[in-house]
């Protein structure tokens, strides 16, 4: 099987990241569909610039920009990512966050998640990856997270657990661009009108 030719700009964009507390390896782009790589696209929307729009069904996250454009990232959507719809804000952000499984996860798979009930230290094996954005609504934690992943093959797919996952290089990029207090709009199913918009 012939591997697809990957443009140099993407090889650079998704290369290993230096200067991190833990190693961030280059992404194997042969395992990611090209349409899910980060790019600037046409995105006519009523949402003001700076808003994050998560289209769970199309598997895209948009950072709205000026002049009808957006920065589009491919995402993988876990079970928790399908359980929230509407508006929230990025209450806070974390670099190399700890991760704690939910009580539901522990009850469902006690042998796997029980030993991690007190939380998992940051690092390359942590499922949140190098960055996480924590979403709150009306001052309450939604338990909805936008975070990284080393599992490149899950981008563009529905996955068994987690919320909204981006490639590690993409979550580092998004983290750098959005401040605390950023407004987030999560679209589910038939409400995800962005699927019908032209993507250039």
N, C-alpha and C. Protein backbone atom coordinates (compact mmCIF):
# COMPACT_ATOMS: atom_id res chain seq x y z
N UNK A 1 0.84 -1.18 0.00
CA UNK A 1 0.00 0.00 0.00
C UNK A 1 0.89 1.25 0.00
N UNK A 2 0.61 2.17 -0.92
CA UNK A 2 1.40 3.39 -1.04
C UNK A 2 0.90 4.42 -0.03
N UNK A 3 1.81 4.95 0.75
CA UNK A 3 1.42 5.97 1.73
C UNK A 3 1.15 7.29 1.01
N UNK A 4 0.11 8.04 1.44
CA UNK A 4 -0.17 9.31 0.79
C UNK A 4 0.96 10.31 1.02
N UNK A 5 1.16 11.17 0.03
CA UNK A 5 2.18 12.20 0.14
C UNK A 5 1.66 13.30 1.07
N UNK A 6 2.40 13.59 2.11
CA UNK A 6 1.98 14.58 3.10
C UNK A 6 2.76 15.86 2.87
N UNK A 7 2.06 16.99 2.67
CA UNK A 7 2.76 18.26 2.44
C UNK A 7 3.71 18.60 3.57
N UNK A 8 4.82 19.26 3.20
CA UNK A 8 5.83 19.62 4.19
C UNK A 8 5.25 20.50 5.30
N UNK A 9 4.28 21.36 4.94
CA UNK A 9 3.73 22.26 5.96
C UNK A 9 3.08 21.47 7.09
N UNK A 10 2.47 20.33 6.76
CA UNK A 10 1.84 19.52 7.80
C UNK A 10 2.87 18.71 8.57
N UNK A 11 3.91 18.27 7.89
CA UNK A 11 4.97 17.56 8.60
C UNK A 11 5.59 18.47 9.65
N UNK A 12 5.73 19.75 9.32
CA UNK A 12 6.28 20.72 10.28
C UNK A 12 5.26 21.03 11.38
N UNK A 13 4.00 21.21 11.00
CA UNK A 13 2.95 21.57 11.95
C UNK A 13 2.75 20.49 13.00
N UNK A 14 2.89 19.23 12.57
CA UNK A 14 2.63 18.11 13.47
C UNK A 14 3.91 17.36 13.87
N UNK A 15 5.04 18.06 13.81
CA UNK A 15 6.29 17.47 14.24
C UNK A 15 6.40 17.43 15.76
N UNK A 16 7.48 16.85 16.26
CA UNK A 16 7.72 16.80 17.70
C UNK A 16 7.80 18.21 18.26
N UNK A 17 7.31 18.39 19.48
CA UNK A 17 7.28 19.70 20.12
C UNK A 17 8.37 19.77 21.17
N UNK A 18 9.23 20.76 21.04
CA UNK A 18 10.32 20.95 22.00
C UNK A 18 9.87 21.82 23.17
N UNK A 19 10.62 21.76 24.26
CA UNK A 19 10.41 22.65 25.38
C UNK A 19 9.25 22.29 26.29
N UNK A 20 8.75 21.08 26.19
CA UNK A 20 7.62 20.65 27.01
C UNK A 20 8.11 19.89 28.24
N UNK A 21 7.25 19.83 29.26
CA UNK A 21 7.60 19.12 30.49
C UNK A 21 7.76 17.62 30.26
N UNK A 22 7.02 17.11 29.28
CA UNK A 22 7.11 15.71 28.89
C UNK A 22 7.20 15.65 27.37
N UNK A 23 7.71 14.56 26.81
CA UNK A 23 7.88 14.50 25.35
C UNK A 23 6.54 14.57 24.61
N UNK A 24 6.52 15.36 23.53
CA UNK A 24 5.38 15.37 22.61
C UNK A 24 5.93 14.92 21.25
N UNK A 25 5.64 13.68 20.92
CA UNK A 25 6.18 13.08 19.70
C UNK A 25 5.47 13.62 18.47
N UNK A 26 6.12 13.49 17.32
CA UNK A 26 5.48 13.83 16.05
C UNK A 26 4.25 12.94 15.85
N UNK A 27 3.21 13.49 15.25
CA UNK A 27 2.00 12.72 14.95
C UNK A 27 2.21 11.92 13.67
N UNK A 28 1.79 10.67 13.69
CA UNK A 28 1.82 9.83 12.49
C UNK A 28 0.65 10.23 11.60
N UNK A 29 0.91 11.10 10.63
CA UNK A 29 -0.17 11.65 9.82
C UNK A 29 -0.75 10.65 8.82
N UNK A 30 -0.10 9.51 8.66
CA UNK A 30 -0.69 8.48 7.80
C UNK A 30 -1.92 7.85 8.46
N UNK A 31 -2.11 8.15 9.75
CA UNK A 31 -3.26 7.58 10.47
C UNK A 31 -4.39 8.59 10.67
N UNK A 32 -4.26 9.76 10.02
CA UNK A 32 -5.27 10.81 10.15
C UNK A 32 -5.79 11.17 8.76
N UNK A 33 -7.11 11.19 8.59
CA UNK A 33 -7.68 11.62 7.31
C UNK A 33 -7.31 13.09 7.08
N UNK A 34 -6.86 13.44 5.87
CA UNK A 34 -6.36 14.80 5.62
C UNK A 34 -7.34 15.91 5.97
N UNK A 35 -8.64 15.68 5.83
CA UNK A 35 -9.60 16.76 6.11
C UNK A 35 -9.65 17.13 7.58
N UNK A 36 -9.07 16.30 8.44
CA UNK A 36 -9.09 16.59 9.87
C UNK A 36 -7.83 17.28 10.37
N UNK A 37 -6.95 17.66 9.46
CA UNK A 37 -5.76 18.41 9.85
C UNK A 37 -6.11 19.90 9.95
N UNK A 38 -5.43 20.61 10.80
CA UNK A 38 -5.72 22.01 11.08
C UNK A 38 -5.60 22.87 9.82
N UNK A 39 -6.61 23.73 9.63
CA UNK A 39 -6.54 24.65 8.50
C UNK A 39 -7.49 25.82 8.69
N UNK A 40 -7.21 26.90 7.97
CA UNK A 40 -8.09 28.06 7.94
C UNK A 40 -9.16 27.81 6.88
N UNK A 41 -10.43 27.99 7.26
CA UNK A 41 -11.54 27.69 6.34
C UNK A 41 -12.57 28.81 6.35
N UNK A 42 -13.39 28.86 5.29
CA UNK A 42 -14.56 29.74 5.28
C UNK A 42 -15.56 29.20 6.29
N UNK A 43 -16.09 30.10 7.14
CA UNK A 43 -17.04 29.66 8.17
C UNK A 43 -17.99 30.80 8.50
N UNK A 44 -18.99 31.03 7.64
CA UNK A 44 -19.98 32.06 7.95
C UNK A 44 -20.81 31.66 9.16
N UNK A 45 -20.85 32.52 10.16
CA UNK A 45 -21.55 32.21 11.40
C UNK A 45 -21.95 33.50 12.10
N UNK A 46 -22.97 33.41 12.93
CA UNK A 46 -23.37 34.55 13.76
C UNK A 46 -22.51 34.67 15.01
N UNK A 47 -21.70 33.67 15.29
CA UNK A 47 -20.88 33.68 16.50
C UNK A 47 -19.74 34.70 16.34
N UNK A 48 -19.46 35.48 17.39
CA UNK A 48 -18.40 36.48 17.29
C UNK A 48 -17.01 35.85 17.26
N UNK A 49 -16.05 36.56 16.66
CA UNK A 49 -14.67 36.06 16.67
C UNK A 49 -14.20 35.76 18.08
N UNK A 50 -13.42 34.69 18.19
CA UNK A 50 -12.93 34.24 19.49
C UNK A 50 -13.75 33.12 20.10
N UNK A 51 -14.95 32.87 19.53
CA UNK A 51 -15.80 31.79 20.02
C UNK A 51 -15.29 30.44 19.52
N UNK A 52 -15.36 29.43 20.38
CA UNK A 52 -15.10 28.05 19.97
C UNK A 52 -16.44 27.41 19.65
N UNK A 53 -16.56 26.81 18.47
CA UNK A 53 -17.76 26.06 18.10
C UNK A 53 -17.35 24.60 17.90
N UNK A 54 -17.99 23.71 18.64
CA UNK A 54 -17.70 22.27 18.54
C UNK A 54 -18.87 21.61 17.81
N UNK A 55 -18.59 21.07 16.64
CA UNK A 55 -19.59 20.36 15.85
C UNK A 55 -19.30 18.87 16.01
N UNK A 56 -19.99 18.25 16.96
CA UNK A 56 -19.64 16.87 17.32
C UNK A 56 -19.91 15.89 16.18
N UNK A 57 -20.99 16.11 15.43
CA UNK A 57 -21.33 15.14 14.38
C UNK A 57 -20.37 15.21 13.20
N UNK A 58 -19.98 16.43 12.83
CA UNK A 58 -19.03 16.59 11.72
C UNK A 58 -17.60 16.30 12.14
N UNK A 59 -17.36 16.24 13.48
CA UNK A 59 -16.03 15.97 14.04
C UNK A 59 -15.06 17.13 13.78
N UNK A 60 -15.57 18.35 13.95
CA UNK A 60 -14.72 19.52 13.82
C UNK A 60 -14.91 20.45 15.00
N UNK A 61 -13.82 21.14 15.37
CA UNK A 61 -13.87 22.25 16.30
C UNK A 61 -13.40 23.48 15.53
N UNK A 62 -14.17 24.56 15.65
CA UNK A 62 -13.85 25.80 14.95
C UNK A 62 -13.50 26.89 15.97
N UNK A 63 -12.44 27.62 15.71
CA UNK A 63 -12.14 28.84 16.43
C UNK A 63 -12.49 29.98 15.48
N UNK A 64 -13.59 30.67 15.79
CA UNK A 64 -14.11 31.69 14.88
C UNK A 64 -13.15 32.86 14.78
N UNK A 65 -12.90 33.30 13.53
CA UNK A 65 -12.03 34.44 13.27
C UNK A 65 -12.81 35.54 12.57
N UNK A 66 -12.12 36.58 12.21
CA UNK A 66 -12.74 37.70 11.50
C UNK A 66 -13.09 37.32 10.06
N UNK A 67 -13.99 38.12 9.45
CA UNK A 67 -14.26 38.06 8.01
C UNK A 67 -14.75 36.70 7.52
N UNK A 68 -15.61 36.06 8.32
CA UNK A 68 -16.21 34.81 7.87
C UNK A 68 -15.26 33.64 7.77
N UNK A 69 -14.20 33.68 8.54
CA UNK A 69 -13.22 32.59 8.53
C UNK A 69 -13.16 31.94 9.91
N UNK A 70 -12.57 30.76 9.96
CA UNK A 70 -12.34 30.08 11.23
C UNK A 70 -11.12 29.18 11.08
N UNK A 71 -10.49 28.93 12.20
CA UNK A 71 -9.44 27.91 12.25
C UNK A 71 -10.13 26.62 12.63
N UNK A 72 -10.00 25.60 11.78
CA UNK A 72 -10.72 24.35 11.98
C UNK A 72 -9.75 23.24 12.39
N UNK A 73 -10.15 22.51 13.44
CA UNK A 73 -9.37 21.38 13.95
C UNK A 73 -10.23 20.13 13.86
N UNK A 74 -9.63 19.01 13.50
CA UNK A 74 -10.33 17.73 13.57
C UNK A 74 -10.40 17.25 15.01
N UNK A 75 -11.49 16.57 15.34
CA UNK A 75 -11.67 16.08 16.71
C UNK A 75 -12.13 14.63 16.72
N UNK A 76 -11.87 13.96 17.81
CA UNK A 76 -12.51 12.70 18.13
C UNK A 76 -13.50 12.97 19.25
N UNK A 77 -14.64 12.32 19.21
CA UNK A 77 -15.70 12.60 20.18
C UNK A 77 -15.96 11.35 21.02
N UNK A 78 -15.72 11.48 22.33
CA UNK A 78 -15.99 10.37 23.23
C UNK A 78 -17.41 10.41 23.75
N UNK A 79 -17.78 9.41 24.54
CA UNK A 79 -19.14 9.30 25.06
C UNK A 79 -19.55 10.57 25.80
N UNK A 80 -18.65 11.08 26.64
CA UNK A 80 -18.98 12.30 27.39
C UNK A 80 -19.15 13.50 26.47
N UNK A 81 -18.48 13.46 25.32
CA UNK A 81 -18.59 14.55 24.37
C UNK A 81 -19.93 14.61 23.68
N UNK A 82 -20.72 13.57 23.80
CA UNK A 82 -22.05 13.54 23.18
C UNK A 82 -23.15 13.84 24.20
N UNK A 83 -22.76 14.18 25.43
CA UNK A 83 -23.74 14.35 26.50
C UNK A 83 -23.94 15.80 26.91
N UNK A 84 -23.30 16.73 26.20
CA UNK A 84 -23.49 18.14 26.51
C UNK A 84 -23.79 18.88 25.22
N UNK A 85 -24.75 19.80 25.29
CA UNK A 85 -25.10 20.63 24.15
C UNK A 85 -25.43 22.02 24.66
N UNK A 86 -25.05 23.04 23.90
CA UNK A 86 -25.36 24.40 24.30
C UNK A 86 -24.12 25.22 24.52
N UNK A 87 -24.22 26.21 25.41
CA UNK A 87 -23.14 27.15 25.64
C UNK A 87 -22.44 26.91 26.97
N UNK A 88 -21.15 27.21 26.97
CA UNK A 88 -20.34 27.11 28.18
C UNK A 88 -19.19 28.09 28.04
N UNK A 89 -18.35 28.16 29.05
CA UNK A 89 -17.15 28.98 28.96
C UNK A 89 -15.96 28.15 29.42
N UNK A 90 -14.80 28.51 28.89
CA UNK A 90 -13.56 27.92 29.38
C UNK A 90 -13.27 28.56 30.74
N UNK A 91 -13.59 27.83 31.80
CA UNK A 91 -13.39 28.37 33.15
C UNK A 91 -11.91 28.48 33.48
N UNK A 92 -11.16 27.46 33.11
CA UNK A 92 -9.71 27.49 33.29
C UNK A 92 -9.06 26.50 32.34
N UNK A 93 -7.74 26.65 32.20
CA UNK A 93 -6.94 25.80 31.32
C UNK A 93 -5.81 25.20 32.14
N UNK A 94 -5.32 24.05 31.71
CA UNK A 94 -4.20 23.43 32.41
C UNK A 94 -3.19 22.88 31.40
N UNK A 95 -1.92 23.10 31.72
CA UNK A 95 -0.84 22.44 30.98
C UNK A 95 -0.51 21.15 31.70
N UNK A 96 -0.39 20.08 30.95
CA UNK A 96 -0.08 18.76 31.50
C UNK A 96 -0.94 18.49 32.75
N UNK A 97 -2.26 18.39 32.54
CA UNK A 97 -3.18 18.24 33.67
C UNK A 97 -3.17 16.83 34.26
N UNK A 98 -3.60 16.76 35.51
CA UNK A 98 -3.95 15.46 36.10
C UNK A 98 -5.28 15.01 35.51
N UNK A 99 -5.53 13.73 35.58
CA UNK A 99 -6.81 13.19 35.09
C UNK A 99 -7.38 12.24 36.14
N UNK A 100 -8.68 12.39 36.40
CA UNK A 100 -9.37 11.51 37.34
C UNK A 100 -10.58 10.90 36.64
N UNK A 101 -10.71 9.58 36.63
CA UNK A 101 -11.88 8.97 35.99
C UNK A 101 -13.16 9.33 36.76
N UNK A 102 -14.27 9.39 36.03
CA UNK A 102 -15.54 9.69 36.69
C UNK A 102 -16.02 8.47 37.48
N UNK A 103 -16.96 8.71 38.38
CA UNK A 103 -17.53 7.61 39.15
C UNK A 103 -18.21 6.59 38.24
N UNK A 104 -18.82 7.07 37.16
CA UNK A 104 -19.46 6.15 36.20
C UNK A 104 -18.42 5.24 35.55
N UNK A 105 -17.28 5.80 35.19
CA UNK A 105 -16.22 5.00 34.58
C UNK A 105 -15.70 3.95 35.55
N UNK A 106 -15.53 4.34 36.81
CA UNK A 106 -15.05 3.40 37.82
C UNK A 106 -16.06 2.29 38.04
N UNK A 107 -17.35 2.64 38.08
CA UNK A 107 -18.40 1.63 38.29
C UNK A 107 -18.48 0.68 37.10
N UNK A 108 -18.27 1.22 35.90
CA UNK A 108 -18.39 0.41 34.69
C UNK A 108 -17.20 -0.53 34.50
N UNK A 109 -15.99 -0.04 34.82
CA UNK A 109 -14.78 -0.85 34.67
C UNK A 109 -13.90 -0.70 35.91
N UNK A 110 -14.33 -1.30 37.04
CA UNK A 110 -13.61 -1.11 38.30
C UNK A 110 -12.17 -1.59 38.27
N UNK A 111 -11.89 -2.67 37.55
CA UNK A 111 -10.52 -3.18 37.52
C UNK A 111 -9.59 -2.22 36.79
N UNK A 112 -10.11 -1.58 35.73
CA UNK A 112 -9.30 -0.67 34.94
C UNK A 112 -9.14 0.69 35.61
N UNK A 113 -10.26 1.25 36.11
CA UNK A 113 -10.24 2.63 36.59
C UNK A 113 -10.18 2.77 38.11
N UNK A 114 -10.53 1.72 38.83
CA UNK A 114 -10.50 1.79 40.28
C UNK A 114 -9.17 2.24 40.85
N UNK A 115 -8.05 1.67 40.38
CA UNK A 115 -6.75 2.08 40.91
C UNK A 115 -6.40 3.54 40.62
N UNK A 116 -7.16 4.17 39.69
CA UNK A 116 -6.88 5.56 39.34
C UNK A 116 -7.86 6.53 39.98
N UNK A 117 -8.63 6.05 40.95
CA UNK A 117 -9.69 6.87 41.54
C UNK A 117 -9.16 8.17 42.16
N UNK A 118 -7.92 8.14 42.63
CA UNK A 118 -7.33 9.34 43.24
C UNK A 118 -6.70 10.26 42.20
N UNK A 119 -6.72 9.84 40.94
CA UNK A 119 -6.18 10.68 39.88
C UNK A 119 -4.91 10.11 39.29
N UNK A 120 -4.62 10.53 38.06
CA UNK A 120 -3.45 10.07 37.33
C UNK A 120 -2.52 11.26 37.10
N UNK A 121 -1.25 11.06 37.38
CA UNK A 121 -0.28 12.14 37.23
C UNK A 121 -0.15 12.56 35.76
N UNK A 122 0.29 13.80 35.50
CA UNK A 122 0.53 14.24 34.14
C UNK A 122 1.60 13.39 33.47
N UNK A 123 1.61 13.39 32.14
CA UNK A 123 2.63 12.65 31.42
C UNK A 123 2.11 12.12 30.10
N UNK A 124 2.97 11.42 29.41
CA UNK A 124 2.62 10.97 28.06
C UNK A 124 1.51 9.91 28.06
N UNK A 125 1.30 9.23 29.18
CA UNK A 125 0.25 8.21 29.24
C UNK A 125 -1.08 8.77 29.73
N UNK A 126 -1.07 10.01 30.21
CA UNK A 126 -2.30 10.61 30.72
C UNK A 126 -3.26 10.88 29.56
N UNK A 127 -4.53 10.42 29.64
CA UNK A 127 -5.45 10.55 28.51
C UNK A 127 -5.83 11.97 28.14
N UNK A 128 -5.55 12.96 29.02
CA UNK A 128 -5.85 14.34 28.66
C UNK A 128 -4.74 14.97 27.82
N UNK A 129 -3.59 14.32 27.78
CA UNK A 129 -2.50 14.85 26.97
C UNK A 129 -1.86 16.08 27.56
N UNK A 130 -1.24 16.91 26.71
CA UNK A 130 -0.45 18.03 27.21
C UNK A 130 -1.24 19.27 27.64
N UNK A 131 -2.50 19.36 27.24
CA UNK A 131 -3.31 20.53 27.58
C UNK A 131 -4.77 20.10 27.74
N UNK A 132 -5.50 20.87 28.55
CA UNK A 132 -6.94 20.65 28.68
C UNK A 132 -7.63 21.97 28.95
N UNK A 133 -8.82 22.13 28.36
CA UNK A 133 -9.71 23.26 28.62
C UNK A 133 -10.91 22.71 29.38
N UNK A 134 -11.26 23.36 30.49
CA UNK A 134 -12.33 22.87 31.37
C UNK A 134 -13.55 23.77 31.22
N UNK A 135 -14.67 23.18 30.82
CA UNK A 135 -15.86 23.96 30.50
C UNK A 135 -16.85 23.98 31.65
N UNK A 136 -17.32 25.19 31.96
CA UNK A 136 -18.32 25.41 33.00
C UNK A 136 -19.53 26.10 32.38
N UNK A 137 -20.69 25.88 33.00
CA UNK A 137 -21.92 26.55 32.59
C UNK A 137 -22.62 27.06 33.86
N UNK A 138 -22.95 28.34 33.87
CA UNK A 138 -23.59 28.96 35.03
C UNK A 138 -22.80 28.71 36.31
N UNK A 139 -21.47 28.74 36.18
CA UNK A 139 -20.60 28.58 37.34
C UNK A 139 -20.38 27.16 37.80
N UNK A 140 -20.96 26.18 37.10
CA UNK A 140 -20.83 24.78 37.49
C UNK A 140 -20.04 24.00 36.44
N UNK A 141 -19.24 23.07 36.92
CA UNK A 141 -18.43 22.23 36.04
C UNK A 141 -19.34 21.31 35.23
N UNK A 142 -19.22 21.39 33.90
CA UNK A 142 -20.01 20.51 33.03
C UNK A 142 -19.40 19.11 32.93
N UNK A 143 -18.16 18.95 33.44
CA UNK A 143 -17.35 17.73 33.27
C UNK A 143 -16.97 17.53 31.81
N UNK A 144 -17.14 18.56 31.00
CA UNK A 144 -16.83 18.53 29.58
C UNK A 144 -15.44 19.12 29.40
N UNK A 145 -14.58 18.40 28.71
CA UNK A 145 -13.19 18.81 28.51
C UNK A 145 -12.84 18.80 27.02
N UNK A 146 -12.01 19.74 26.65
CA UNK A 146 -11.36 19.72 25.34
C UNK A 146 -9.90 19.46 25.63
N UNK A 147 -9.35 18.39 25.08
CA UNK A 147 -8.02 17.95 25.50
C UNK A 147 -7.27 17.28 24.36
N UNK A 148 -6.06 16.82 24.65
CA UNK A 148 -5.21 16.20 23.65
C UNK A 148 -5.36 14.69 23.61
N UNK A 149 -4.64 14.08 22.67
CA UNK A 149 -4.59 12.62 22.58
C UNK A 149 -3.38 12.21 21.74
N UNK A 150 -2.80 11.08 22.10
CA UNK A 150 -1.74 10.51 21.27
C UNK A 150 -2.31 9.49 20.29
N UNK A 151 -3.60 9.23 20.37
CA UNK A 151 -4.24 8.22 19.51
C UNK A 151 -4.74 8.90 18.24
N UNK A 152 -3.81 9.15 17.32
CA UNK A 152 -4.12 9.92 16.11
C UNK A 152 -5.26 9.29 15.30
N UNK A 153 -5.35 7.98 15.33
CA UNK A 153 -6.36 7.29 14.53
C UNK A 153 -7.78 7.55 15.01
N UNK A 154 -7.96 8.12 16.21
CA UNK A 154 -9.31 8.38 16.72
C UNK A 154 -9.86 9.73 16.26
N UNK A 155 -9.04 10.56 15.64
CA UNK A 155 -9.51 11.87 15.17
C UNK A 155 -10.45 11.65 13.97
N UNK A 156 -11.63 12.26 14.07
CA UNK A 156 -12.65 12.07 13.05
C UNK A 156 -13.60 10.93 13.36
N UNK A 157 -13.44 10.33 14.53
CA UNK A 157 -14.26 9.17 14.89
C UNK A 157 -14.95 9.36 16.24
N UNK A 158 -15.96 8.53 16.47
CA UNK A 158 -16.56 8.41 17.79
C UNK A 158 -15.75 7.38 18.56
N UNK A 159 -15.36 7.71 19.77
CA UNK A 159 -14.53 6.81 20.56
C UNK A 159 -15.24 6.46 21.86
N UNK A 160 -14.72 5.47 22.56
CA UNK A 160 -15.48 4.87 23.66
C UNK A 160 -15.58 5.76 24.89
N UNK A 161 -14.56 6.58 25.13
CA UNK A 161 -14.58 7.38 26.35
C UNK A 161 -13.96 8.74 26.10
N UNK A 162 -14.10 9.62 27.07
CA UNK A 162 -13.53 10.94 26.94
C UNK A 162 -14.53 11.95 26.42
N UNK A 163 -14.05 13.18 26.20
CA UNK A 163 -14.90 14.27 25.74
C UNK A 163 -14.54 14.63 24.31
N UNK A 164 -13.87 15.76 24.13
CA UNK A 164 -13.46 16.22 22.81
C UNK A 164 -11.94 16.19 22.75
N UNK A 165 -11.40 15.34 21.89
CA UNK A 165 -9.96 15.18 21.82
C UNK A 165 -9.42 15.73 20.50
N UNK A 166 -8.28 16.40 20.60
CA UNK A 166 -7.55 16.92 19.45
C UNK A 166 -6.17 16.27 19.42
N UNK A 167 -5.54 16.30 18.27
CA UNK A 167 -4.14 15.90 18.21
C UNK A 167 -3.34 16.78 19.17
N UNK A 168 -2.29 16.24 19.75
CA UNK A 168 -1.55 16.99 20.77
C UNK A 168 -1.04 18.34 20.25
N UNK A 169 -0.55 18.36 19.00
CA UNK A 169 -0.08 19.63 18.45
C UNK A 169 -1.23 20.63 18.30
N UNK A 170 -2.43 20.11 18.04
CA UNK A 170 -3.58 21.00 17.87
C UNK A 170 -4.08 21.56 19.20
N UNK A 171 -4.10 20.74 20.24
CA UNK A 171 -4.57 21.26 21.53
C UNK A 171 -3.55 22.26 22.08
N UNK A 172 -2.27 22.06 21.83
CA UNK A 172 -1.26 23.04 22.24
C UNK A 172 -1.49 24.36 21.50
N UNK A 173 -1.80 24.27 20.22
CA UNK A 173 -2.07 25.46 19.42
C UNK A 173 -3.32 26.18 19.90
N UNK A 174 -4.41 25.43 20.12
CA UNK A 174 -5.67 26.03 20.58
C UNK A 174 -5.50 26.67 21.95
N UNK A 175 -4.82 25.97 22.85
CA UNK A 175 -4.57 26.46 24.21
C UNK A 175 -3.89 27.84 24.16
N UNK A 176 -2.95 27.97 23.25
CA UNK A 176 -2.19 29.23 23.12
C UNK A 176 -3.08 30.37 22.62
N UNK A 177 -4.11 30.04 21.87
CA UNK A 177 -4.93 31.07 21.21
C UNK A 177 -6.12 31.54 22.04
N UNK A 178 -6.58 30.75 23.01
CA UNK A 178 -7.82 31.12 23.70
C UNK A 178 -7.55 31.39 25.19
N UNK A 179 -8.11 32.48 25.72
CA UNK A 179 -7.95 32.79 27.13
C UNK A 179 -9.05 32.15 27.97
N UNK A 180 -8.85 32.17 29.28
CA UNK A 180 -9.93 31.81 30.19
C UNK A 180 -11.13 32.72 29.91
N UNK A 181 -12.32 32.18 30.04
CA UNK A 181 -13.52 32.96 29.77
C UNK A 181 -14.00 32.86 28.34
N UNK A 182 -13.26 32.16 27.49
CA UNK A 182 -13.68 31.98 26.09
C UNK A 182 -15.03 31.28 26.03
N UNK A 183 -15.91 31.80 25.20
CA UNK A 183 -17.23 31.21 25.02
C UNK A 183 -17.14 30.00 24.10
N UNK A 184 -17.86 28.94 24.47
CA UNK A 184 -17.86 27.69 23.71
C UNK A 184 -19.30 27.32 23.40
N UNK A 185 -19.56 26.99 22.14
CA UNK A 185 -20.88 26.54 21.70
C UNK A 185 -20.73 25.11 21.20
N UNK A 186 -21.46 24.18 21.83
CA UNK A 186 -21.40 22.78 21.44
C UNK A 186 -22.68 22.40 20.70
N UNK A 187 -22.50 21.95 19.46
CA UNK A 187 -23.62 21.57 18.61
C UNK A 187 -23.69 20.05 18.51
N UNK A 188 -24.89 19.52 18.64
CA UNK A 188 -25.10 18.07 18.53
C UNK A 188 -26.11 17.79 17.42
N UNK A 189 -25.92 16.69 16.72
CA UNK A 189 -26.91 16.17 15.78
C UNK A 189 -27.44 17.19 14.79
N UNK A 190 -28.77 17.28 14.70
CA UNK A 190 -29.40 18.12 13.69
C UNK A 190 -29.18 19.61 13.92
N UNK A 191 -28.73 19.98 15.12
CA UNK A 191 -28.46 21.38 15.38
C UNK A 191 -27.10 21.82 14.85
N UNK A 192 -26.31 20.87 14.38
CA UNK A 192 -24.97 21.18 13.91
C UNK A 192 -25.02 21.69 12.47
N UNK A 193 -25.53 22.89 12.29
CA UNK A 193 -25.76 23.43 10.95
C UNK A 193 -24.46 23.65 10.19
N UNK A 194 -23.34 23.69 10.90
CA UNK A 194 -22.08 23.97 10.21
C UNK A 194 -21.74 22.89 9.19
N UNK A 195 -22.32 21.72 9.31
CA UNK A 195 -22.05 20.67 8.33
C UNK A 195 -22.49 21.10 6.93
N UNK A 196 -23.47 22.00 6.85
CA UNK A 196 -24.03 22.39 5.56
C UNK A 196 -23.31 23.58 4.96
N UNK A 197 -22.34 24.13 5.67
CA UNK A 197 -21.63 25.31 5.17
C UNK A 197 -20.51 24.90 4.25
N UNK A 198 -20.20 25.74 3.27
CA UNK A 198 -19.07 25.42 2.39
C UNK A 198 -17.75 25.49 3.15
N UNK A 199 -16.90 24.52 2.94
CA UNK A 199 -15.59 24.49 3.60
C UNK A 199 -14.52 24.64 2.53
N UNK A 200 -13.81 25.76 2.55
CA UNK A 200 -12.83 26.05 1.53
C UNK A 200 -11.43 25.93 2.11
